[in-house]
Amino acid sequence: MNAAGYYAARVAEWFAPHGRPPLPLFMAVMSHQYPLVEPIAEIAARTAEHGQKLPMIRDPDVSYHLRQEKTGLNLGP
């Protein structure tokens, strides 16, 4: 596994002299994308009243989380 992100191809080339397979390496650079929702009045009111954000919800079985981002929600992998 090569977890070098946007530099994955360059890092893979560093290891070519040390026995990289002769076939071309196929790579896909993955970046996280997070959909954000519009501001939600109820979240803004709760944050103003309690002075803290909502707790984050995480489900490790499906690699998912939902957390407060300002006065909206952030959904991510």
PDB file of N, CA and C in Angstrom:
ATOM      1  N   MET A   1       0.842  -1.167   0.000  1.00  0.00           N
ATOM      2  CA  MET A   1       0.000   0.000   0.000  1.00  0.00           C
ATOM      3  C   MET A   1       0.886   1.227   0.000  1.00  0.00           C
ATOM      4  N   ASN A   2       0.507   2.178  -0.803  1.00  0.00           N
ATOM      5  CA  ASN A   2       1.215   3.439  -0.891  1.00  0.00           C
ATOM      6  C   ASN A   2       0.217   4.518  -0.497  1.00  0.00           C
ATOM      7  N   ALA A   3       0.405   5.116   0.641  1.00  0.00           N
ATOM      8  CA  ALA A   3      -0.536   6.125   1.126  1.00  0.00           C
ATOM      9  C   ALA A   3       0.069   7.517   1.047  1.00  0.00           C
ATOM     10  N   ALA A   4       0.732   7.817  -0.060  1.00  0.00           N
ATOM     11  CA  ALA A   4       1.405   9.105  -0.225  1.00  0.00           C
ATOM     12  C   ALA A   4       0.509  10.156  -0.861  1.00  0.00           C
ATOM     13  N   GLY A   5      -0.759   9.856  -1.039  1.00  0.00           N
ATOM     14  CA  GLY A   5      -1.705  10.844  -1.560  1.00  0.00           C
ATOM     15  C   GLY A   5      -1.344  11.291  -2.961  1.00  0.00           C
ATOM     16  N   TYR A   6      -1.284  12.594  -3.136  1.00  0.00           N
ATOM     17  CA  TYR A   6      -1.016  13.155  -4.461  1.00  0.00           C
ATOM     18  C   TYR A   6       0.408  12.859  -4.946  1.00  0.00           C
ATOM     19  N   TYR A   7       1.282  12.416  -4.058  1.00  0.00           N
ATOM     20  CA  TYR A   7       2.658  12.081  -4.422  1.00  0.00           C
ATOM     21  C   TYR A   7       2.865  10.581  -4.586  1.00  0.00           C
ATOM     22  N   ALA A   8       1.805   9.810  -4.685  1.00  0.00           N
ATOM     23  CA  ALA A   8       1.909   8.349  -4.739  1.00  0.00           C
ATOM     24  C   ALA A   8       2.753   7.872  -5.915  1.00  0.00           C
ATOM     25  N   ALA A   9       2.571   8.438  -7.088  1.00  0.00           N
ATOM     26  CA  ALA A   9       3.346   8.003  -8.252  1.00  0.00           C
ATOM     27  C   ALA A   9       4.832   8.280  -8.051  1.00  0.00           C
ATOM     28  N   ARG A  10       5.158   9.424  -7.498  1.00  0.00           N
ATOM     29  CA  ARG A  10       6.567   9.769  -7.267  1.00  0.00           C
ATOM     30  C   ARG A  10       7.192   8.828  -6.237  1.00  0.00           C
ATOM     31  N   VAL A  11       6.478   8.543  -5.168  1.00  0.00           N
ATOM     32  CA  VAL A  11       6.993   7.633  -4.138  1.00  0.00           C
ATOM     33  C   VAL A  11       7.177   6.231  -4.720  1.00  0.00           C
ATOM     34  N   ALA A  12       6.252   5.772  -5.546  1.00  0.00           N
ATOM     35  CA  ALA A  12       6.377   4.450  -6.174  1.00  0.00           C
ATOM     36  C   ALA A  12       7.629   4.378  -7.043  1.00  0.00           C
ATOM     37  N   GLU A  13       7.961   5.456  -7.738  1.00  0.00           N
ATOM     38  CA  GLU A  13       9.171   5.470  -8.574  1.00  0.00           C
ATOM     39  C   GLU A  13      10.436   5.328  -7.736  1.00  0.00           C
ATOM     40  N   TRP A  14      10.437   5.828  -6.519  1.00  0.00           N
ATOM     41  CA  TRP A  14      11.602   5.698  -5.648  1.00  0.00           C
ATOM     42  C   TRP A  14      11.933   4.238  -5.385  1.00  0.00           C
ATOM     43  N   PHE A  15      10.903   3.375  -5.373  1.00  0.00           N
ATOM     44  CA  PHE A  15      11.111   1.969  -5.053  1.00  0.00           C
ATOM     45  C   PHE A  15      11.304   1.104  -6.292  1.00  0.00           C
ATOM     46  N   ALA A  16      11.286   1.666  -7.473  1.00  0.00           N
ATOM     47  CA  ALA A  16      11.456   0.906  -8.710  1.00  0.00           C
ATOM     48  C   ALA A  16      12.760   0.113  -8.727  1.00  0.00           C
ATOM     49  N   PRO A  17      13.884   0.677  -8.306  1.00  0.00           N
ATOM     50  CA  PRO A  17      15.129  -0.104  -8.325  1.00  0.00           C
ATOM     51  C   PRO A  17      15.148  -1.267  -7.336  1.00  0.00           C
ATOM     52  N   HIS A  18      14.196  -1.333  -6.445  1.00  0.00           N
ATOM     53  CA  HIS A  18      14.201  -2.358  -5.396  1.00  0.00           C
ATOM     54  C   HIS A  18      13.193  -3.466  -5.655  1.00  0.00           C
ATOM     55  N   GLY A  19      12.843  -3.696  -6.902  1.00  0.00           N
ATOM     56  CA  GLY A  19      12.010  -4.840  -7.230  1.00  0.00           C
ATOM     57  C   GLY A  19      10.559  -4.545  -7.511  1.00  0.00           C
ATOM     58  N   ARG A  20      10.275  -3.358  -7.993  1.00  0.00           N
ATOM     59  CA  ARG A  20       8.883  -3.076  -8.367  1.00  0.00           C
ATOM     60  C   ARG A  20       8.489  -3.995  -9.507  1.00  0.00           C
ATOM     61  N   PRO A  21       7.257  -4.466  -9.568  1.00  0.00           N
ATOM     62  CA  PRO A  21       6.827  -5.347 -10.660  1.00  0.00           C
ATOM     63  C   PRO A  21       7.031  -4.679 -12.021  1.00  0.00           C
ATOM     64  N   PRO A  22       7.322  -5.458 -13.057  1.00  0.00           N
ATOM     65  CA  PRO A  22       7.578  -4.873 -14.375  1.00  0.00           C
ATOM     66  C   PRO A  22       6.334  -4.271 -15.028  1.00  0.00           C
ATOM     67  N   LEU A  23       5.160  -4.660 -14.581  1.00  0.00           N
ATOM     68  CA  LEU A  23       3.930  -4.097 -15.148  1.00  0.00           C
ATOM     69  C   LEU A  23       3.741  -2.659 -14.682  1.00  0.00           C
ATOM     70  N   PRO A  24       3.058  -1.862 -15.481  1.00  0.00           N
ATOM     71  CA  PRO A  24       2.815  -0.490 -15.020  1.00  0.00           C
ATOM     72  C   PRO A  24       1.929  -0.489 -13.773  1.00  0.00           C
ATOM     73  N   LEU A  25       2.196   0.451 -12.910  1.00  0.00           N
ATOM     74  CA  LEU A  25       1.400   0.572 -11.698  1.00  0.00           C
ATOM     75  C   LEU A  25       0.202   1.463 -11.975  1.00  0.00           C
ATOM     76  N   PHE A  26      -0.971   0.974 -11.687  1.00  0.00           N
ATOM     77  CA  PHE A  26      -2.176   1.765 -11.858  1.00  0.00           C
ATOM     78  C   PHE A  26      -2.557   2.328 -10.503  1.00  0.00           C
ATOM     79  N   MET A  27      -2.677   3.621 -10.458  1.00  0.00           N
ATOM     80  CA  MET A  27      -2.986   4.287  -9.191  1.00  0.00           C
ATOM     81  C   MET A  27      -4.147   5.239  -9.375  1.00  0.00           C
ATOM     82  N   ALA A  28      -4.870   5.400  -8.329  1.00  0.00           N
ATOM     83  CA  ALA A  28      -5.937   6.401  -8.292  1.00  0.00           C
ATOM     84  C   ALA A  28      -5.737   7.232  -7.035  1.00  0.00           C
ATOM     85  N   VAL A  29      -5.530   8.497  -7.233  1.00  0.00           N
ATOM     86  CA  VAL A  29      -5.375   9.381  -6.091  1.00  0.00           C
ATOM     87  C   VAL A  29      -6.763   9.689  -5.557  1.00  0.00           C
ATOM     88  N   MET A  30      -6.929   9.462  -4.269  1.00  0.00           N
ATOM     89  CA  MET A  30      -8.234   9.681  -3.649  1.00  0.00           C
ATOM     90  C   MET A  30      -8.112  10.859  -2.688  1.00  0.00           C
ATOM     91  N   SER A  31      -9.042  11.732  -2.777  1.00  0.00           N
ATOM     92  CA  SER A  31      -9.117  12.816  -1.801  1.00  0.00           C
ATOM     93  C   SER A  31     -10.499  12.772  -1.169  1.00  0.00           C
ATOM     94  N   HIS A  32     -10.554  13.191   0.055  1.00  0.00           N
ATOM     95  CA  HIS A  32     -11.833  13.166   0.759  1.00  0.00           C
ATOM     96  C   HIS A  32     -12.707  14.305   0.267  1.00  0.00           C
ATOM     97  N   GLN A  33     -13.962  14.031   0.111  1.00  0.00           N
ATOM     98  CA  GLN A  33     -14.929  15.050  -0.245  1.00  0.00           C
ATOM     99  C   GLN A  33     -16.014  15.039   0.822  1.00  0.00           C
ATOM    100  N   TYR A  34     -16.346  16.206   1.279  1.00  0.00           N
ATOM    101  CA  TYR A  34     -17.311  16.328   2.363  1.00  0.00           C
ATOM    102  C   TYR A  34     -18.478  17.204   1.925  1.00  0.00           C
ATOM    103  N   PRO A  35     -19.661  16.636   1.771  1.00  0.00           N
ATOM    104  CA  PRO A  35     -20.819  17.484   1.498  1.00  0.00           C
ATOM    105  C   PRO A  35     -21.192  18.288   2.748  1.00  0.00           C
ATOM    106  N   LEU A  36     -21.440  19.567   2.562  1.00  0.00           N
ATOM    107  CA  LEU A  36     -21.878  20.432   3.646  1.00  0.00           C
ATOM    108  C   LEU A  36     -23.302  20.866   3.359  1.00  0.00           C
ATOM    109  N   VAL A  37     -24.101  20.939   4.384  1.00  0.00           N
ATOM    110  CA  VAL A  37     -25.482  21.393   4.203  1.00  0.00           C
ATOM    111  C   VAL A  37     -25.559  22.882   4.512  1.00  0.00           C
ATOM    112  N   GLU A  38     -26.655  23.493   4.104  1.00  0.00           N
ATOM    113  CA  GLU A  38     -26.876  24.905   4.401  1.00  0.00           C
ATOM    114  C   GLU A  38     -27.077  25.090   5.902  1.00  0.00           C
ATOM    115  N   PRO A  39     -26.938  26.310   6.377  1.00  0.00           N
ATOM    116  CA  PRO A  39     -27.167  26.543   7.813  1.00  0.00           C
ATOM    117  C   PRO A  39     -28.558  26.064   8.243  1.00  0.00           C
ATOM    118  N   ILE A  40     -28.605  25.482   9.431  1.00  0.00           N
ATOM    119  CA  ILE A  40     -29.851  24.970  10.000  1.00  0.00           C
ATOM    120  C   ILE A  40     -30.161  25.805  11.239  1.00  0.00           C
ATOM    121  N   ALA A  41     -31.320  26.454  11.226  1.00  0.00           N
ATOM    122  CA  ALA A  41     -31.682  27.382  12.305  1.00  0.00           C
ATOM    123  C   ALA A  41     -31.655  26.710  13.676  1.00  0.00           C
ATOM    124  N   GLU A  42     -32.109  25.476  13.767  1.00  0.00           N
ATOM    125  CA  GLU A  42     -32.152  24.771  15.057  1.00  0.00           C
ATOM    126  C   GLU A  42     -30.738  24.518  15.600  1.00  0.00           C
ATOM    127  N   ILE A  43     -29.812  24.225  14.706  1.00  0.00           N
ATOM    128  CA  ILE A  43     -28.424  24.001  15.149  1.00  0.00           C
ATOM    129  C   ILE A  43     -27.813  25.315  15.605  1.00  0.00           C
ATOM    130  N   ALA A  44     -28.079  26.401  14.877  1.00  0.00           N
ATOM    131  CA  ALA A  44     -27.567  27.715  15.276  1.00  0.00           C
ATOM    132  C   ALA A  44     -28.116  28.113  16.642  1.00  0.00           C
ATOM    133  N   ALA A  45     -29.407  27.880  16.869  1.00  0.00           N
ATOM    134  CA  ALA A  45     -30.022  28.232  18.153  1.00  0.00           C
ATOM    135  C   ALA A  45     -29.454  27.397  19.287  1.00  0.00           C
ATOM    136  N   ARG A  46     -29.283  26.102  19.061  1.00  0.00           N
ATOM    137  CA  ARG A  46     -28.741  25.224  20.106  1.00  0.00           C
ATOM    138  C   ARG A  46     -27.305  25.600  20.443  1.00  0.00           C
ATOM    139  N   THR A  47     -26.512  25.890  19.419  1.00  0.00           N
ATOM    140  CA  THR A  47     -25.118  26.269  19.646  1.00  0.00           C
ATOM    141  C   THR A  47     -25.045  27.572  20.440  1.00  0.00           C
ATOM    142  N   ALA A  48     -25.903  28.534  20.094  1.00  0.00           N
ATOM    143  CA  ALA A  48     -25.917  29.803  20.823  1.00  0.00           C
ATOM    144  C   ALA A  48     -26.357  29.607  22.277  1.00  0.00           C
ATOM    145  N   GLU A  49     -27.312  28.722  22.491  1.00  0.00           N
ATOM    146  CA  GLU A  49     -27.839  28.492  23.840  1.00  0.00           C
ATOM    147  C   GLU A  49     -26.856  27.733  24.727  1.00  0.00           C
ATOM    148  N   HIS A  50     -26.249  26.677  24.175  1.00  0.00           N
ATOM    149  CA  HIS A  50     -25.388  25.806  24.984  1.00  0.00           C
ATOM    150  C   HIS A  50     -23.904  26.137  24.858  1.00  0.00           C
ATOM    151  N   GLY A  51     -23.534  26.901  23.837  1.00  0.00           N
ATOM    152  CA  GLY A  51     -22.131  27.280  23.679  1.00  0.00           C
ATOM    153  C   GLY A  51     -21.215  26.149  23.242  1.00  0.00           C
ATOM    154  N   GLN A  52     -21.775  25.090  22.700  1.00  0.00           N
ATOM    155  CA  GLN A  52     -20.942  23.973  22.222  1.00  0.00           C
ATOM    156  C   GLN A  52     -21.598  23.317  21.029  1.00  0.00           C
ATOM    157  N   LYS A  53     -20.787  22.580  20.282  1.00  0.00           N
ATOM    158  CA  LYS A  53     -21.286  21.892  19.090  1.00  0.00           C
ATOM    159  C   LYS A  53     -21.995  20.589  19.463  1.00  0.00           C
ATOM    160  N   LEU A  54     -22.748  20.085  18.513  1.00  0.00           N
ATOM    161  CA  LEU A  54     -23.366  18.767  18.668  1.00  0.00           C
ATOM    162  C   LEU A  54     -22.275  17.697  18.690  1.00  0.00           C
ATOM    163  N   PRO A  55     -22.489  16.568  19.344  1.00  0.00           N
ATOM    164  CA  PRO A  55     -21.501  15.493  19.299  1.00  0.00           C
ATOM    165  C   PRO A  55     -21.409  14.895  17.893  1.00  0.00           C
ATOM    166  N   MET A  56     -20.227  14.427  17.553  1.00  0.00           N
ATOM    167  CA  MET A  56     -20.034  13.786  16.258  1.00  0.00           C
ATOM    168  C   MET A  56     -20.608  12.375  16.300  1.00  0.00           C
ATOM    169  N   ILE A  57     -21.215  11.958  15.200  1.00  0.00           N
ATOM    170  CA  ILE A  57     -21.735  10.596  15.060  1.00  0.00           C
ATOM    171  C   ILE A  57     -20.809   9.865  14.100  1.00  0.00           C
ATOM    172  N   ARG A  58     -20.292   8.717  14.522  1.00  0.00           N
ATOM    173  CA  ARG A  58     -19.379   7.944  13.684  1.00  0.00           C
ATOM    174  C   ARG A  58     -19.821   6.485  13.652  1.00  0.00           C
ATOM    175  N   ASP A  59     -19.843   5.914  12.444  1.00  0.00           N
ATOM    176  CA  ASP A  59     -20.163   4.497  12.283  1.00  0.00           C
ATOM    177  C   ASP A  59     -18.973   3.827  11.608  1.00  0.00           C
ATOM    178  N   PRO A  60     -18.107   3.170  12.370  1.00  0.00           N
ATOM    179  CA  PRO A  60     -16.907   2.575  11.783  1.00  0.00           C
ATOM    180  C   PRO A  60     -17.201   1.391  10.854  1.00  0.00           C
ATOM    181  N   ASP A  61     -18.374   0.789  10.980  1.00  0.00           N
ATOM    182  CA  ASP A  61     -18.695  -0.348  10.108  1.00  0.00           C
ATOM    183  C   ASP A  61     -18.871   0.068   8.656  1.00  0.00           C
ATOM    184  N   VAL A  62     -19.339   1.284   8.435  1.00  0.00           N
ATOM    185  CA  VAL A  62     -19.526   1.753   7.057  1.00  0.00           C
ATOM    186  C   VAL A  62     -18.653   2.970   6.757  1.00  0.00           C
ATOM    187  N   SER A  63     -17.711   3.258   7.651  1.00  0.00           N
ATOM    188  CA  SER A  63     -16.763   4.354   7.467  1.00  0.00           C
ATOM    189  C   SER A  63     -17.488   5.662   7.156  1.00  0.00           C
ATOM    190  N   TYR A  64     -18.244   6.142   8.104  1.00  0.00           N
ATOM    191  CA  TYR A  64     -19.099   7.304   7.918  1.00  0.00           C
ATOM    192  C   TYR A  64     -19.093   8.155   9.183  1.00  0.00           C
ATOM    193  N   HIS A  65     -19.130   9.463   9.004  1.00  0.00           N
ATOM    194  CA  HIS A  65     -19.320  10.320  10.167  1.00  0.00           C
ATOM    195  C   HIS A  65     -20.194  11.509   9.800  1.00  0.00           C
ATOM    196  N   LEU A  66     -20.847  12.049  10.791  1.00  0.00           N
ATOM    197  CA  LEU A  66     -21.686  13.221  10.657  1.00  0.00           C
ATOM    198  C   LEU A  66     -21.328  14.133  11.811  1.00  0.00           C
ATOM    199  N   ARG A  67     -20.931  15.370  11.485  1.00  0.00           N
ATOM    200  CA  ARG A  67     -20.553  16.293  12.547  1.00  0.00           C
ATOM    201  C   ARG A  67     -21.019  17.695  12.208  1.00  0.00           C
ATOM    202  N   GLN A  68     -21.066  18.521  13.230  1.00  0.00           N
ATOM    203  CA  GLN A  68     -21.498  19.900  13.032  1.00  0.00           C
ATOM    204  C   GLN A  68     -20.370  20.704  12.419  1.00  0.00           C
ATOM    205  N   GLU A  69     -20.672  21.485  11.410  1.00  0.00           N
ATOM    206  CA  GLU A  69     -19.736  22.409  10.785  1.00  0.00           C
ATOM    207  C   GLU A  69     -20.394  23.779  10.804  1.00  0.00           C
ATOM    208  N   LYS A  70     -19.906  24.668  11.664  1.00  0.00           N
ATOM    209  CA  LYS A  70     -20.544  25.971  11.906  1.00  0.00           C
ATOM    210  C   LYS A  70     -21.992  25.755  12.324  1.00  0.00           C
ATOM    211  N   THR A  71     -22.954  26.174  11.523  1.00  0.00           N
ATOM    212  CA  THR A  71     -24.362  25.959  11.886  1.00  0.00           C
ATOM    213  C   THR A  71     -25.050  24.994  10.926  1.00  0.00           C
ATOM    214  N   GLY A  72     -24.252  24.164  10.265  1.00  0.00           N
ATOM    215  CA  GLY A  72     -24.770  23.131   9.376  1.00  0.00           C
ATOM    216  C   GLY A  72     -24.187  21.784   9.746  1.00  0.00           C
ATOM    217  N   LEU A  73     -24.238  20.841   8.834  1.00  0.00           N
ATOM    218  CA  LEU A  73     -23.703  19.501   9.084  1.00  0.00           C
ATOM    219  C   LEU A  73     -22.710  19.137   7.998  1.00  0.00           C
ATOM    220  N   ASN A  74     -21.734  18.326   8.366  1.00  0.00           N
ATOM    221  CA  ASN A  74     -20.693  17.836   7.472  1.00  0.00           C
ATOM    222  C   ASN A  74     -20.822  16.317   7.452  1.00  0.00           C
ATOM    223  N   LEU A  75     -20.974  15.760   6.276  1.00  0.00           N
ATOM    224  CA  LEU A  75     -21.106  14.308   6.093  1.00  0.00           C
ATOM    225  C   LEU A  75     -19.855  13.821   5.385  1.00  0.00           C
ATOM    226  N   GLY A  76     -19.165  12.855   5.962  1.00  0.00           N
ATOM    227  CA  GLY A  76     -17.917  12.431   5.349  1.00  0.00           C
ATOM    228  C   GLY A  76     -17.605  10.966   5.533  1.00  0.00           C
ATOM    229  N   PRO A  77     -16.673  10.505   4.722  1.00  0.00           N
ATOM    230  CA  PRO A  77     -16.231   9.101   4.813  1.00  0.00           C
ATOM    231  C   PRO A  77     -15.232   8.916   5.931  1.00  0.00           C
TER     232      PRO A  77
END
